[in-house]
Amino acid sequence: MKSVSNPANRRSSEHDGKVAAEQFAQAVATRHGFRSHDFSIIWDGGELDAARSDHEMMVMSKDGRHAAAHIDDDALLRKDAWKYLREVDAAFAQLARRAPNRGI
């Protein structure tokens, strides 16, 4: 694992974590009936701010509705999606127009 004490390595790890979080969000979105072109993700009000200890991943649907998921910086750096699964799932559940399918 890269040392996060080095600023260059930290930026790289932040970027990798951001990409992993967005891929994870895409998978969660699919579960709620969204496709990749149905929403966009905005980090920390515009661009990922590496200095923050808590990141905001704003999910914006194409019709203008939005919901936020808060992700701890450490979970983002370590690409530990299980630590923010509930936040991301709740954001997409809030935006879903249809009731979830019964069963699976």
N, C-alpha and C. Protein backbone atom coordinates (compact mmCIF):
# COMPACT_ATOMS: atom_id res chain seq x y z
N MET A 1 0.84 -1.18 0.00
CA MET A 1 0.00 0.00 0.00
C MET A 1 0.88 1.24 0.00
N LYS A 2 0.44 2.25 -0.71
CA LYS A 2 1.20 3.49 -0.78
C LYS A 2 1.13 4.24 0.54
N SER A 3 2.21 4.93 0.86
CA SER A 3 2.21 5.79 2.03
C SER A 3 1.38 7.03 1.74
N VAL A 4 0.43 7.35 2.63
CA VAL A 4 -0.40 8.53 2.41
C VAL A 4 0.18 9.76 3.06
N SER A 5 1.36 9.63 3.68
CA SER A 5 2.00 10.80 4.27
C SER A 5 2.65 11.67 3.20
N ASN A 6 3.04 11.08 2.09
CA ASN A 6 3.61 11.82 0.97
C ASN A 6 2.45 12.47 0.20
N PRO A 7 2.47 13.80 0.01
CA PRO A 7 1.35 14.48 -0.67
C PRO A 7 1.05 13.96 -2.06
N ALA A 8 2.07 13.60 -2.82
CA ALA A 8 1.83 13.09 -4.18
C ALA A 8 1.11 11.74 -4.11
N ASN A 9 1.54 10.88 -3.20
CA ASN A 9 0.88 9.58 -3.04
C ASN A 9 -0.55 9.75 -2.52
N ARG A 10 -0.75 10.74 -1.64
CA ARG A 10 -2.09 10.99 -1.09
C ARG A 10 -3.03 11.43 -2.21
N ARG A 11 -2.59 12.33 -3.08
CA ARG A 11 -3.43 12.77 -4.20
C ARG A 11 -3.78 11.60 -5.10
N SER A 12 -2.80 10.76 -5.37
CA SER A 12 -3.04 9.60 -6.22
C SER A 12 -4.03 8.65 -5.55
N SER A 13 -3.87 8.43 -4.25
CA SER A 13 -4.78 7.56 -3.51
C SER A 13 -6.18 8.15 -3.46
N GLU A 14 -6.28 9.47 -3.28
CA GLU A 14 -7.58 10.15 -3.28
C GLU A 14 -8.27 9.94 -4.62
N HIS A 15 -7.52 10.12 -5.71
CA HIS A 15 -8.09 9.95 -7.05
C HIS A 15 -8.55 8.51 -7.25
N ASP A 16 -7.71 7.55 -6.86
CA ASP A 16 -8.07 6.14 -6.99
C ASP A 16 -9.32 5.82 -6.16
N GLY A 17 -9.38 6.37 -4.96
CA GLY A 17 -10.54 6.16 -4.10
C GLY A 17 -11.80 6.78 -4.68
N LYS A 18 -11.65 7.94 -5.28
CA LYS A 18 -12.78 8.62 -5.93
C LYS A 18 -13.32 7.77 -7.07
N VAL A 19 -12.43 7.26 -7.91
CA VAL A 19 -12.82 6.42 -9.04
C VAL A 19 -13.52 5.16 -8.53
N ALA A 20 -12.97 4.53 -7.50
CA ALA A 20 -13.57 3.32 -6.93
C ALA A 20 -14.95 3.63 -6.34
N ALA A 21 -15.09 4.77 -5.67
CA ALA A 21 -16.38 5.15 -5.09
C ALA A 21 -17.41 5.40 -6.18
N GLU A 22 -17.01 6.00 -7.28
CA GLU A 22 -17.94 6.25 -8.37
C GLU A 22 -18.36 4.95 -9.06
N GLN A 23 -17.44 4.00 -9.18
CA GLN A 23 -17.79 2.70 -9.74
C GLN A 23 -18.76 1.97 -8.81
N PHE A 24 -18.50 2.08 -7.52
CA PHE A 24 -19.38 1.47 -6.53
C PHE A 24 -20.77 2.12 -6.59
N ALA A 25 -20.80 3.44 -6.70
CA ALA A 25 -22.08 4.16 -6.79
C ALA A 25 -22.86 3.72 -8.03
N GLN A 26 -22.16 3.47 -9.13
CA GLN A 26 -22.82 3.00 -10.35
C GLN A 26 -23.49 1.65 -10.10
N ALA A 27 -22.83 0.77 -9.37
CA ALA A 27 -23.41 -0.54 -9.06
C ALA A 27 -24.64 -0.38 -8.17
N VAL A 28 -24.57 0.48 -7.18
CA VAL A 28 -25.71 0.73 -6.29
C VAL A 28 -26.85 1.37 -7.09
N ALA A 29 -26.52 2.27 -7.99
CA ALA A 29 -27.53 2.94 -8.81
C ALA A 29 -28.31 1.92 -9.65
N THR A 30 -27.61 0.97 -10.19
CA THR A 30 -28.25 -0.07 -11.00
C THR A 30 -29.28 -0.83 -10.17
N ARG A 31 -28.94 -1.08 -8.93
CA ARG A 31 -29.86 -1.77 -8.02
C ARG A 31 -31.16 -1.00 -7.83
N HIS A 32 -31.08 0.33 -7.93
CA HIS A 32 -32.25 1.18 -7.74
C HIS A 32 -32.91 1.59 -9.07
N GLY A 33 -32.48 0.98 -10.16
CA GLY A 33 -33.12 1.23 -11.45
C GLY A 33 -32.53 2.38 -12.26
N PHE A 34 -31.39 2.90 -11.86
CA PHE A 34 -30.75 3.98 -12.60
C PHE A 34 -29.77 3.41 -13.61
N ARG A 35 -29.60 4.13 -14.70
CA ARG A 35 -28.54 3.83 -15.66
C ARG A 35 -27.51 4.94 -15.56
N SER A 36 -26.36 4.74 -16.14
CA SER A 36 -25.26 5.70 -15.98
C SER A 36 -25.60 7.09 -16.49
N HIS A 37 -26.47 7.20 -17.48
CA HIS A 37 -26.81 8.53 -18.00
C HIS A 37 -27.98 9.19 -17.25
N ASP A 38 -28.52 8.51 -16.24
CA ASP A 38 -29.64 9.05 -15.47
C ASP A 38 -29.20 9.99 -14.35
N PHE A 39 -27.92 10.01 -14.02
CA PHE A 39 -27.46 10.80 -12.88
C PHE A 39 -26.01 11.24 -13.09
N SER A 40 -25.59 12.19 -12.28
CA SER A 40 -24.19 12.60 -12.26
C SER A 40 -23.76 12.73 -10.79
N ILE A 41 -22.46 12.70 -10.58
CA ILE A 41 -21.91 12.77 -9.23
C ILE A 41 -21.04 14.01 -9.12
N ILE A 42 -21.25 14.77 -8.06
CA ILE A 42 -20.46 15.97 -7.80
C ILE A 42 -19.83 15.80 -6.42
N TRP A 43 -18.53 15.97 -6.35
CA TRP A 43 -17.78 15.81 -5.10
C TRP A 43 -17.56 17.14 -4.41
N ASP A 44 -17.81 17.20 -3.13
CA ASP A 44 -17.46 18.34 -2.26
C ASP A 44 -17.86 19.69 -2.87
N GLY A 45 -19.00 19.75 -3.51
CA GLY A 45 -19.48 21.00 -4.07
C GLY A 45 -18.85 21.40 -5.39
N GLY A 46 -18.11 20.55 -6.02
CA GLY A 46 -17.52 20.88 -7.32
C GLY A 46 -16.36 19.99 -7.70
N GLU A 47 -15.41 19.85 -6.82
CA GLU A 47 -14.25 19.00 -7.09
C GLU A 47 -13.78 18.40 -5.77
N LEU A 48 -13.28 17.18 -5.83
CA LEU A 48 -12.83 16.50 -4.62
C LEU A 48 -11.78 17.34 -3.90
N ASP A 49 -12.05 17.66 -2.65
CA ASP A 49 -11.14 18.46 -1.82
C ASP A 49 -10.38 17.53 -0.89
N ALA A 50 -9.12 17.28 -1.19
CA ALA A 50 -8.32 16.32 -0.43
C ALA A 50 -8.11 16.74 1.03
N ALA A 51 -8.30 18.01 1.35
CA ALA A 51 -8.07 18.49 2.70
C ALA A 51 -9.23 18.17 3.65
N ARG A 52 -10.36 17.77 3.13
CA ARG A 52 -11.53 17.49 3.96
C ARG A 52 -11.42 16.13 4.61
N SER A 53 -11.96 16.01 5.83
CA SER A 53 -11.97 14.72 6.51
C SER A 53 -13.26 13.96 6.20
N ASP A 54 -14.27 14.67 5.72
CA ASP A 54 -15.55 14.07 5.35
C ASP A 54 -15.94 14.62 3.98
N HIS A 55 -16.09 13.74 3.02
CA HIS A 55 -16.41 14.16 1.66
C HIS A 55 -17.91 14.03 1.41
N GLU A 56 -18.43 14.91 0.58
CA GLU A 56 -19.83 14.84 0.19
C GLU A 56 -19.90 14.42 -1.27
N MET A 57 -20.55 13.30 -1.50
CA MET A 57 -20.80 12.83 -2.86
C MET A 57 -22.26 13.15 -3.15
N MET A 58 -22.48 14.19 -3.94
CA MET A 58 -23.82 14.61 -4.30
C MET A 58 -24.23 13.88 -5.57
N VAL A 59 -25.36 13.20 -5.51
CA VAL A 59 -25.90 12.50 -6.66
C VAL A 59 -27.04 13.36 -7.21
N MET A 60 -26.90 13.78 -8.46
CA MET A 60 -27.90 14.62 -9.11
C MET A 60 -28.58 13.82 -10.22
N SER A 61 -29.89 13.70 -10.12
CA SER A 61 -30.62 13.03 -11.19
C SER A 61 -30.82 14.02 -12.33
N LYS A 62 -31.08 13.52 -13.49
CA LYS A 62 -31.23 14.39 -14.67
C LYS A 62 -32.44 15.31 -14.57
N ASP A 63 -33.40 14.98 -13.70
CA ASP A 63 -34.56 15.85 -13.55
C ASP A 63 -34.37 16.91 -12.46
N GLY A 64 -33.15 17.02 -11.92
CA GLY A 64 -32.83 18.09 -10.98
C GLY A 64 -32.88 17.70 -9.51
N ARG A 65 -33.41 16.54 -9.20
CA ARG A 65 -33.42 16.11 -7.79
C ARG A 65 -32.01 15.71 -7.38
N HIS A 66 -31.72 15.80 -6.10
CA HIS A 66 -30.39 15.43 -5.63
C HIS A 66 -30.45 14.86 -4.21
N ALA A 67 -29.44 14.09 -3.88
CA ALA A 67 -29.28 13.51 -2.56
C ALA A 67 -27.77 13.38 -2.31
N ALA A 68 -27.39 13.46 -1.05
CA ALA A 68 -25.97 13.43 -0.71
C ALA A 68 -25.61 12.19 0.11
N ALA A 69 -24.40 11.72 -0.11
CA ALA A 69 -23.81 10.66 0.70
C ALA A 69 -22.52 11.22 1.28
N HIS A 70 -22.32 11.03 2.57
CA HIS A 70 -21.10 11.52 3.22
C HIS A 70 -20.14 10.35 3.40
N ILE A 71 -18.91 10.58 2.94
CA ILE A 71 -17.90 9.53 2.94
C ILE A 71 -16.68 10.01 3.71
N ASP A 72 -16.27 9.23 4.68
CA ASP A 72 -15.09 9.54 5.48
C ASP A 72 -13.85 9.47 4.60
N ASP A 73 -12.92 10.41 4.80
CA ASP A 73 -11.71 10.46 3.99
C ASP A 73 -10.90 9.17 4.08
N ASP A 74 -10.82 8.61 5.27
CA ASP A 74 -10.06 7.37 5.45
C ASP A 74 -10.67 6.22 4.65
N ALA A 75 -11.99 6.12 4.63
CA ALA A 75 -12.65 5.08 3.84
C ALA A 75 -12.41 5.29 2.35
N LEU A 76 -12.39 6.54 1.93
CA LEU A 76 -12.13 6.85 0.52
C LEU A 76 -10.70 6.49 0.14
N LEU A 77 -9.75 6.85 1.00
CA LEU A 77 -8.34 6.54 0.73
C LEU A 77 -8.10 5.04 0.65
N ARG A 78 -8.74 4.31 1.53
CA ARG A 78 -8.53 2.85 1.58
C ARG A 78 -9.44 2.08 0.62
N LYS A 79 -10.30 2.83 -0.11
CA LYS A 79 -11.26 2.22 -1.04
C LYS A 79 -12.12 1.18 -0.32
N ASP A 80 -12.56 1.54 0.87
CA ASP A 80 -13.36 0.65 1.71
C ASP A 80 -14.84 0.99 1.55
N ALA A 81 -15.44 0.49 0.50
CA ALA A 81 -16.82 0.84 0.15
C ALA A 81 -17.83 0.39 1.20
N TRP A 82 -17.51 -0.63 1.96
CA TRP A 82 -18.46 -1.11 2.96
C TRP A 82 -18.74 -0.06 4.03
N LYS A 83 -17.80 0.84 4.23
CA LYS A 83 -17.98 1.87 5.26
C LYS A 83 -18.96 2.95 4.84
N TYR A 84 -19.21 3.09 3.54
CA TYR A 84 -20.17 4.11 3.10
C TYR A 84 -21.30 3.52 2.25
N LEU A 85 -21.45 2.22 2.28
CA LEU A 85 -22.51 1.55 1.53
C LEU A 85 -23.89 2.12 1.90
N ARG A 86 -24.18 2.25 3.18
CA ARG A 86 -25.50 2.73 3.61
C ARG A 86 -25.78 4.14 3.12
N GLU A 87 -24.76 5.00 3.17
CA GLU A 87 -24.93 6.39 2.72
C GLU A 87 -25.27 6.45 1.23
N VAL A 88 -24.52 5.73 0.42
CA VAL A 88 -24.73 5.74 -1.03
C VAL A 88 -26.07 5.09 -1.36
N ASP A 89 -26.37 3.97 -0.72
CA ASP A 89 -27.64 3.29 -0.96
C ASP A 89 -28.82 4.19 -0.58
N ALA A 90 -28.72 4.90 0.53
CA ALA A 90 -29.80 5.80 0.96
C ALA A 90 -29.98 6.96 -0.02
N ALA A 91 -28.90 7.46 -0.57
CA ALA A 91 -29.00 8.56 -1.54
C ALA A 91 -29.76 8.11 -2.79
N PHE A 92 -29.42 6.94 -3.31
CA PHE A 92 -30.12 6.46 -4.50
C PHE A 92 -31.55 6.04 -4.18
N ALA A 93 -31.79 5.50 -3.00
CA ALA A 93 -33.15 5.15 -2.60
C ALA A 93 -34.03 6.39 -2.53
N GLN A 94 -33.46 7.48 -2.05
CA GLN A 94 -34.19 8.74 -1.96
C GLN A 94 -34.57 9.25 -3.35
N LEU A 95 -33.70 9.04 -4.33
CA LEU A 95 -33.94 9.53 -5.68
C LEU A 95 -34.79 8.60 -6.53
N ALA A 96 -34.90 7.35 -6.13
CA ALA A 96 -35.65 6.37 -6.92
C ALA A 96 -37.12 6.77 -6.98
N ARG A 97 -37.67 6.74 -8.16
CA ARG A 97 -39.08 7.11 -8.33
C ARG A 97 -40.01 5.93 -8.06
N ARG A 98 -39.54 4.75 -8.35
CA ARG A 98 -40.37 3.56 -8.18
C ARG A 98 -40.04 2.88 -6.87
N ALA A 99 -41.02 2.21 -6.31
CA ALA A 99 -40.78 1.42 -5.10
C ALA A 99 -39.85 0.27 -5.44
N PRO A 100 -39.00 -0.13 -4.51
CA PRO A 100 -38.09 -1.24 -4.81
C PRO A 100 -38.85 -2.52 -5.11
N ASN A 101 -38.26 -3.37 -5.96
CA ASN A 101 -38.87 -4.65 -6.28
C ASN A 101 -38.93 -5.53 -5.05
N ARG A 102 -39.94 -6.33 -4.99
CA ARG A 102 -40.04 -7.27 -3.88
C ARG A 102 -39.18 -8.49 -4.21
N GLY A 103 -38.70 -9.14 -3.23
CA GLY A 103 -37.90 -10.33 -3.47
C GLY A 103 -36.42 -10.01 -3.40
N ILE A 104 -35.71 -10.31 -4.43
CA ILE A 104 -34.25 -10.20 -4.46
C ILE A 104 -33.79 -8.80 -4.20
